Amino acid sequence: MLDEELGDLVIAEDDKLVGIVTDRDIALAVARYDDLSELTAEDVMTPDPVTTHEDATAVDLPATMAEGRVRRIPVVDDEGTLVGIATLDDVVATAGKMLADAATVIEGQSRKFEPDE
């Protein structure tokens, strides 16, 4: 995780998602255990994590994250195979883009609109 600058690792068996280890899981393990040297990913992972389907909309994703109280969510296809990871950062970036697009429409349709500099 350090070398690749990742905040999570997905754990799979036979291409099927079985868990996720996040940087938060590791921090909690450090607080809970005196000796980490014998721990495995299975010991600290969140088993059967909340997922979202690859066809989820920009509205579905944050709702699913909120419901599961997670910042990172594995994205799966119809067979349950991992196809990616979506993060809260992705949600914020997408929302920012959507707001910028909305602002462009407002600016274009408002004759006297002058945004503050």
Protein backbone atom coordinates (compact mmCIF):
# COMPACT_ATOMS: atom_id res chain seq x y z
CA MET A 1 0.00 0.00 0.00
CA LEU A 2 2.84 2.34 0.81
CA ASP A 3 4.77 1.64 -2.38
CA GLU A 4 1.72 2.11 -4.60
CA GLU A 5 0.22 4.94 -2.50
CA LEU A 6 -3.04 3.04 -2.02
CA GLY A 7 -5.59 3.46 0.73
CA ASP A 8 -7.06 0.02 0.26
CA LEU A 9 -6.45 -3.50 -0.99
CA VAL A 10 -9.20 -5.76 -2.24
CA ILE A 11 -8.99 -9.40 -1.19
CA ALA A 12 -10.30 -11.90 -3.73
CA GLU A 13 -10.47 -15.66 -4.08
CA ASP A 14 -11.01 -17.10 -7.56
CA ASP A 15 -11.71 -13.58 -8.88
CA LYS A 16 -14.55 -13.13 -6.37
CA LEU A 17 -14.41 -10.35 -3.80
CA VAL A 18 -14.15 -11.64 -0.22
CA GLY A 19 -12.91 -8.58 1.65
CA ILE A 20 -11.19 -5.24 1.70
CA VAL A 21 -8.33 -3.92 3.83
CA THR A 22 -8.19 -0.16 4.22
CA ASP A 23 -5.63 2.11 5.79
CA ARG A 24 -8.20 2.61 8.56
CA ASP A 25 -8.36 -1.15 9.17
CA ILE A 26 -4.59 -1.17 9.58
CA ALA A 27 -4.64 1.79 11.96
CA LEU A 28 -7.27 0.05 14.07
CA ALA A 29 -5.20 -3.15 14.08
CA VAL A 30 -2.20 -1.20 15.36
CA ALA A 31 -4.36 0.08 18.22
CA ARG A 32 -5.87 -3.35 19.00
CA TYR A 33 -2.91 -5.70 18.78
CA ASP A 34 0.43 -5.63 20.57
CA ASP A 35 2.13 -7.71 17.87
CA LEU A 36 1.21 -7.28 14.21
CA SER A 37 3.85 -9.64 12.84
CA GLU A 38 1.56 -12.69 12.79
CA LEU A 39 -1.54 -10.95 11.43
CA THR A 40 -2.82 -11.70 7.96
CA ALA A 41 -5.01 -9.63 5.65
CA GLU A 42 -7.91 -11.86 6.68
CA ASP A 43 -7.37 -10.87 10.33
CA VAL A 44 -7.86 -7.16 9.64
CA MET A 45 -10.02 -7.05 6.52
CA THR A 46 -13.67 -6.16 6.34
CA PRO A 47 -15.25 -9.34 5.04
CA ASP A 48 -18.01 -9.25 2.42
CA PRO A 49 -17.70 -5.49 1.89
CA VAL A 50 -20.40 -3.21 0.58
CA THR A 51 -20.16 -3.07 -3.22
CA THR A 52 -21.72 -1.16 -6.05
CA HIS A 53 -22.49 -2.31 -9.57
CA GLU A 54 -20.49 -0.96 -12.48
CA ASP A 55 -23.67 0.61 -13.88
CA ALA A 56 -24.37 2.63 -10.71
CA THR A 57 -25.16 6.27 -11.32
CA ALA A 58 -23.44 9.33 -9.87
CA VAL A 59 -26.37 9.56 -7.46
CA ASP A 60 -26.34 5.86 -6.49
CA LEU A 61 -22.68 5.79 -5.51
CA PRO A 62 -22.69 8.34 -2.65
CA ALA A 63 -26.01 6.96 -1.41
CA THR A 64 -24.54 3.45 -1.23
CA MET A 65 -21.43 4.79 0.50
CA ALA A 66 -23.54 6.65 3.05
CA GLU A 67 -25.72 3.63 3.70
CA GLY A 68 -22.66 1.42 4.23
CA ARG A 69 -20.71 4.19 6.02
CA VAL A 70 -17.69 3.59 3.78
CA ARG A 71 -15.27 5.88 1.95
CA ARG A 72 -14.15 3.27 -0.57
CA ILE A 73 -16.35 0.80 -2.37
CA PRO A 74 -15.47 -2.06 -4.70
CA VAL A 75 -17.20 -1.92 -8.08
CA VAL A 76 -18.38 -5.27 -9.47
CA ASP A 77 -19.95 -6.57 -12.67
CA ASP A 78 -23.00 -8.83 -13.08
CA GLU A 79 -20.96 -11.87 -12.04
CA GLY A 80 -19.63 -10.19 -8.91
CA THR A 81 -16.14 -9.84 -10.37
CA LEU A 82 -14.18 -6.80 -9.27
CA VAL A 83 -13.86 -4.19 -12.02
CA GLY A 84 -12.65 -1.23 -9.96
CA ILE A 85 -12.75 0.80 -6.77
CA ALA A 86 -14.73 3.99 -6.26
CA THR A 87 -13.71 6.42 -3.53
CA LEU A 88 -15.24 9.36 -1.76
CA ASP A 89 -12.65 11.48 -3.58
CA ASP A 90 -14.20 10.27 -6.85
CA VAL A 91 -17.64 11.35 -5.62
CA VAL A 92 -16.39 14.81 -4.62
CA ALA A 93 -14.53 15.29 -7.92
CA THR A 94 -17.62 14.25 -9.89
CA ALA A 95 -19.87 16.54 -7.84
CA GLY A 96 -17.45 19.42 -8.41
CA LYS A 97 -17.52 18.82 -12.16
CA MET A 98 -21.32 18.66 -12.14
CA LEU A 99 -21.53 21.93 -10.20
CA ALA A 100 -19.09 23.59 -12.59
CA ASP A 101 -21.24 22.47 -15.52
CA ALA A 102 -24.37 23.82 -13.80
CA ALA A 103 -22.58 27.13 -13.17
CA THR A 104 -21.72 27.35 -16.87
CA VAL A 105 -25.40 26.97 -17.77
CA ILE A 106 -26.42 29.60 -15.22
CA GLU A 107 -23.76 32.01 -16.45
CA GLY A 108 -24.81 31.47 -20.06
CA GLN A 109 -28.49 32.04 -19.39
CA SER A 110 -28.28 34.90 -16.90
CA ARG A 111 -27.78 38.23 -18.64
CA LYS A 112 -26.76 40.16 -15.56
CA PHE A 113 -24.97 37.36 -13.74
CA GLU A 114 -21.43 38.30 -12.77
CA PRO A 115 -19.64 35.87 -10.49
CA ASP A 116 -17.55 37.29 -7.65
CA GLU A 117 -13.87 37.38 -8.51
